[in-house]
Amino acid sequence: YATHFIACSDEAAEWLFPRKYRQAVVWKNAIEMERFVYSDEVRNEKRKELDIPLSGKVICHVGRFAKEKNHKRILTVLNDMMEKDKELYAVLVGVGPLLDEIKFLGNRTDVPEILCASDIFLFPSLCEGLGIVSVEAQANGMYCLASENVPKSADLGIDRFGQLSLKESNEVWENRIETILNDIEMKKRKEASLKALETEYNIKVVSRKVQEFYLNLESK
């Protein structure tokens, strides 16, 4: 039987070990933070590649094109907003079964650069285990607007994460997005991106914890 319990979040621990979750050690599902640090230079280069003007406002989503990611809601909100604002652009990255109906950027190896080129990350998932891409977006200093189905543990605590219920109307979602877009300050974004390096989602931080854990076991 298990002598030690490890999970990537409090929610995962409670689901995996319902009777012993309080004994579990939580190691964040960490990422290479340095890859996602915000850069003006990368932002400008990627916008040029994607044919997006520097003055444009970009809504981004990265995720598998499958039902649980709720692309139907994303597209409905984007359609309403883009009809009103001709300076608004959308970047959707991913592959999956829904690509038979929708053609976008597909699978990419330059997600950090695409995040740099974007202004807000939209994440209205129907269900998520964690939503690691929301962590990546925050690591880039970008605000992530998620549904209530994204675990609160995905919040890095750097004031770059917010949630709305999917029960709210499209108008409520659109108004929240517009408020965020109108309140963007690149200086704050850079500061948030650097602050993310200090969080427990930095793989360097977690790797040290893992090492210490196993060294302590060996010493016992």
Protein backbone atom coordinates (compact mmCIF):
# COMPACT_ATOMS: atom_id res chain seq x y z
CA TYR A 1 0.00 0.00 0.00
CA ALA A 2 1.07 3.60 -0.48
CA THR A 3 3.21 5.17 2.25
CA HIS A 4 3.40 8.64 0.68
CA PHE A 5 0.85 10.61 -1.29
CA ILE A 6 1.76 13.17 -3.96
CA ALA A 7 -0.51 15.33 -6.13
CA CYS A 8 -0.23 18.37 -8.41
CA SER A 9 -2.92 20.38 -6.59
CA ASP A 10 -5.12 20.31 -3.49
CA GLU A 11 -8.11 19.46 -5.69
CA ALA A 12 -6.24 16.56 -7.31
CA ALA A 13 -5.15 15.26 -3.90
CA GLU A 14 -8.72 15.27 -2.59
CA TRP A 15 -9.92 13.44 -5.73
CA LEU A 16 -7.09 10.88 -5.75
CA PHE A 17 -6.92 10.23 -1.99
CA PRO A 18 -10.36 11.10 -0.58
CA ARG A 19 -9.59 9.61 2.84
CA LYS A 20 -5.96 10.70 3.14
CA TYR A 21 -5.70 13.84 1.02
CA ARG A 22 -4.61 15.92 4.01
CA GLN A 23 -1.46 13.79 4.18
CA ALA A 24 -0.58 14.46 0.57
CA VAL A 25 2.42 16.46 -0.56
CA VAL A 26 1.49 18.94 -3.30
CA TRP A 27 4.00 19.64 -6.06
CA LYS A 28 2.75 22.20 -8.55
CA ASN A 29 2.52 21.18 -12.20
CA ALA A 30 5.51 23.37 -12.96
CA ILE A 31 6.72 24.88 -16.23
CA GLU A 32 9.95 26.39 -17.54
CA MET A 33 9.07 29.93 -16.56
CA GLU A 34 11.96 31.52 -18.43
CA ARG A 35 10.46 30.41 -21.75
CA PHE A 36 7.36 32.48 -21.05
CA VAL A 37 8.87 35.74 -19.78
CA TYR A 38 7.29 38.66 -21.61
CA SER A 39 9.34 40.51 -24.27
CA ASP A 40 8.44 43.61 -26.31
CA GLU A 41 10.79 42.48 -29.06
CA VAL A 42 9.20 39.03 -29.33
CA ARG A 43 5.73 40.61 -29.23
CA ASN A 44 6.50 42.88 -32.19
CA GLU A 45 8.19 40.13 -34.24
CA LYS A 46 5.36 37.65 -33.72
CA ARG A 47 2.68 40.22 -34.55
CA LYS A 48 4.51 40.98 -37.79
CA GLU A 49 4.62 37.25 -38.62
CA LEU A 50 0.90 36.85 -37.86
CA ASP A 51 0.03 40.05 -39.76
CA ILE A 52 -1.43 41.73 -36.69
CA PRO A 53 -0.84 45.50 -36.33
CA LEU A 54 0.94 46.70 -33.21
CA SER A 55 -2.10 48.84 -32.39
CA GLY A 56 -4.46 45.84 -32.46
CA LYS A 57 -5.94 44.14 -29.39
CA VAL A 58 -5.48 40.37 -29.37
CA ILE A 59 -7.56 37.73 -27.58
CA CYS A 60 -5.75 34.41 -27.31
CA HIS A 61 -6.73 30.82 -26.57
CA VAL A 62 -4.49 27.75 -26.53
CA GLY A 63 -6.07 24.35 -26.14
CA ARG A 64 -7.16 21.13 -27.79
CA PHE A 65 -10.07 21.67 -30.16
CA ALA A 66 -12.48 19.46 -28.27
CA LYS A 67 -15.88 19.92 -26.64
CA GLU A 68 -14.57 20.41 -23.08
CA LYS A 69 -12.60 23.51 -24.09
CA ASN A 70 -15.87 25.24 -25.02
CA HIS A 71 -14.82 26.78 -28.35
CA LYS A 72 -18.46 27.36 -29.19
CA ARG A 73 -18.65 29.94 -26.40
CA ILE A 74 -15.31 31.44 -27.38
CA LEU A 75 -16.40 31.94 -30.99
CA THR A 76 -19.77 33.37 -30.04
CA VAL A 77 -18.15 35.96 -27.76
CA LEU A 78 -15.46 36.77 -30.32
CA ASN A 79 -17.99 37.21 -33.11
CA ASP A 80 -20.02 39.72 -31.09
CA MET A 81 -16.95 41.68 -30.01
CA MET A 82 -15.22 41.74 -33.40
CA GLU A 83 -18.33 43.10 -35.08
CA LYS A 84 -18.13 46.12 -32.75
CA ASP A 85 -14.35 46.61 -32.72
CA LYS A 86 -12.39 46.39 -35.98
CA GLU A 87 -9.10 46.66 -34.05
CA LEU A 88 -9.79 43.37 -32.27
CA TYR A 89 -8.01 40.18 -33.36
CA ALA A 90 -8.18 36.57 -32.17
CA VAL A 91 -5.52 33.86 -32.10
CA LEU A 92 -6.59 30.27 -31.42
CA VAL A 93 -3.92 27.58 -31.14
CA GLY A 94 -4.49 23.83 -30.99
CA VAL A 95 -5.46 20.61 -32.74
CA GLY A 96 -8.31 18.19 -32.23
CA PRO A 97 -11.54 16.76 -33.67
CA LEU A 98 -13.25 20.14 -34.05
CA LEU A 99 -10.66 21.19 -36.63
CA ASP A 100 -12.82 19.42 -39.18
CA GLU A 101 -15.14 22.40 -38.74
CA ILE A 102 -12.71 25.16 -37.74
CA LYS A 103 -9.39 26.08 -39.34
CA PHE A 104 -6.98 28.08 -37.21
CA LEU A 105 -3.28 27.94 -36.32
CA GLY A 106 -3.17 24.24 -35.47
CA ASN A 107 -0.36 22.78 -33.38
CA ARG A 108 2.51 25.22 -32.72
CA THR A 109 5.94 25.14 -31.14
CA ASP A 110 6.01 28.93 -30.62
CA VAL A 111 3.28 29.29 -27.99
CA PRO A 112 5.42 31.52 -25.71
CA GLU A 113 5.92 33.95 -28.60
CA ILE A 114 2.21 33.88 -29.50
CA LEU A 115 1.36 34.70 -25.88
CA CYS A 116 3.74 37.67 -26.06
CA ALA A 117 1.86 38.91 -29.12
CA SER A 118 -1.52 38.65 -27.35
CA ASP A 119 -3.28 40.85 -24.77
CA ILE A 120 -5.71 38.59 -22.91
CA PHE A 121 -6.09 34.82 -22.52
CA LEU A 122 -9.66 33.48 -22.77
CA PHE A 123 -10.26 30.13 -21.06
CA PRO A 124 -13.99 29.27 -20.66
CA SER A 125 -13.52 25.51 -20.27
CA LEU A 126 -16.36 23.15 -19.40
CA CYS A 127 -13.91 21.11 -17.29
CA GLU A 128 -10.20 21.20 -16.43
CA GLY A 129 -7.87 19.12 -14.30
CA LEU A 130 -5.68 22.19 -13.86
CA GLY A 131 -5.33 24.10 -17.10
CA ILE A 132 -1.54 24.37 -17.37
CA VAL A 133 -1.85 26.74 -20.33
CA SER A 134 -3.46 29.30 -18.02
CA VAL A 135 -0.30 29.10 -15.90
CA GLU A 136 1.78 29.72 -19.03
CA ALA A 137 -0.34 32.75 -19.93
CA GLN A 138 0.11 34.24 -16.46
CA ALA A 139 3.85 33.51 -16.63
CA ASN A 140 3.84 35.75 -19.69
CA GLY A 141 2.27 38.48 -17.59
CA MET A 142 -1.01 38.24 -19.49
CA TYR A 143 -4.40 38.32 -17.78
CA CYS A 144 -6.25 34.99 -17.94
CA LEU A 145 -10.06 35.12 -17.82
CA ALA A 146 -11.28 31.61 -17.01
CA SER A 147 -14.56 29.88 -16.29
CA GLU A 148 -15.47 28.63 -12.82
CA ASN A 149 -14.48 25.14 -13.99
CA VAL A 150 -10.77 25.97 -13.95
CA PRO A 151 -9.34 25.12 -10.50
CA LYS A 152 -8.45 28.12 -8.33
CA SER A 153 -5.05 26.52 -7.82
CA ALA A 154 -4.21 27.64 -11.37
CA ASP A 155 -4.02 31.21 -10.03
CA LEU A 156 -0.35 32.18 -9.61
CA GLY A 157 -1.30 34.91 -7.15
CA ILE A 158 0.19 37.71 -9.26
CA ASP A 159 -3.09 39.47 -10.07
CA ARG A 160 -3.28 38.00 -13.58
CA PHE A 161 -6.18 35.58 -13.10
CA GLY A 162 -9.95 36.01 -12.91
CA GLN A 163 -13.02 33.84 -13.28
CA LEU A 164 -16.57 34.17 -14.58
CA SER A 165 -19.38 31.67 -14.45
CA LEU A 166 -20.47 30.11 -17.74
CA LYS A 167 -23.99 30.84 -16.55
CA GLU A 168 -23.30 34.52 -17.13
CA SER A 169 -24.47 35.96 -20.44
CA ASN A 170 -22.18 36.57 -23.40
CA GLU A 171 -22.65 40.29 -22.73
CA VAL A 172 -21.19 39.92 -19.23
CA TRP A 173 -18.18 38.05 -20.65
CA GLU A 174 -17.71 40.64 -23.39
CA ASN A 175 -17.87 43.54 -20.93
CA ARG A 176 -15.30 41.88 -18.66
CA ILE A 177 -12.96 41.28 -21.61
CA GLU A 178 -13.31 44.89 -22.79
CA THR A 179 -12.57 46.16 -19.28
CA ILE A 180 -9.40 44.09 -19.13
CA LEU A 181 -8.29 45.16 -22.61
CA ASN A 182 -8.84 48.83 -21.79
CA ASP A 183 -6.82 48.54 -18.59
CA ILE A 184 -3.64 47.03 -20.05
CA GLU A 185 -0.35 48.53 -18.90
CA MET A 186 2.73 46.92 -20.42
CA LYS A 187 4.87 47.94 -17.44
CA LYS A 188 2.59 45.98 -15.08
CA ARG A 189 2.63 43.05 -17.49
CA LYS A 190 6.43 42.91 -17.47
CA GLU A 191 6.49 43.14 -13.68
CA ALA A 192 3.92 40.33 -13.37
CA SER A 193 5.90 38.13 -15.76
CA LEU A 194 9.06 38.53 -13.69
CA LYS A 195 7.12 37.98 -10.46
CA ALA A 196 5.85 34.65 -11.85
CA LEU A 197 9.44 33.37 -11.82
CA GLU A 198 9.28 33.38 -8.02
CA THR A 199 6.13 31.25 -7.74
CA GLU A 200 5.84 27.54 -6.97
CA TYR A 201 4.94 26.89 -10.60
CA ASN A 202 8.55 27.49 -11.62
CA ILE A 203 10.02 24.09 -12.44
CA LYS A 204 13.29 25.09 -10.76
CA VAL A 205 11.43 25.61 -7.49
CA VAL A 206 9.54 22.31 -7.74
CA SER A 207 12.60 20.30 -8.82
CA ARG A 208 14.38 21.37 -5.62
CA LYS A 209 11.38 20.22 -3.56
CA VAL A 210 11.32 16.85 -5.34
CA GLN A 211 15.04 16.39 -4.76
CA GLU A 212 14.75 17.26 -1.07
CA PHE A 213 11.78 14.90 -0.68
CA TYR A 214 13.62 11.86 -2.03
CA LEU A 215 16.87 12.71 -0.24
CA ASN A 216 14.95 12.86 3.05
CA LEU A 217 13.39 9.48 2.31
CA GLU A 218 16.82 8.01 1.66
CA SER A 219 18.19 9.41 4.93
CA LYS A 220 15.38 7.70 6.85
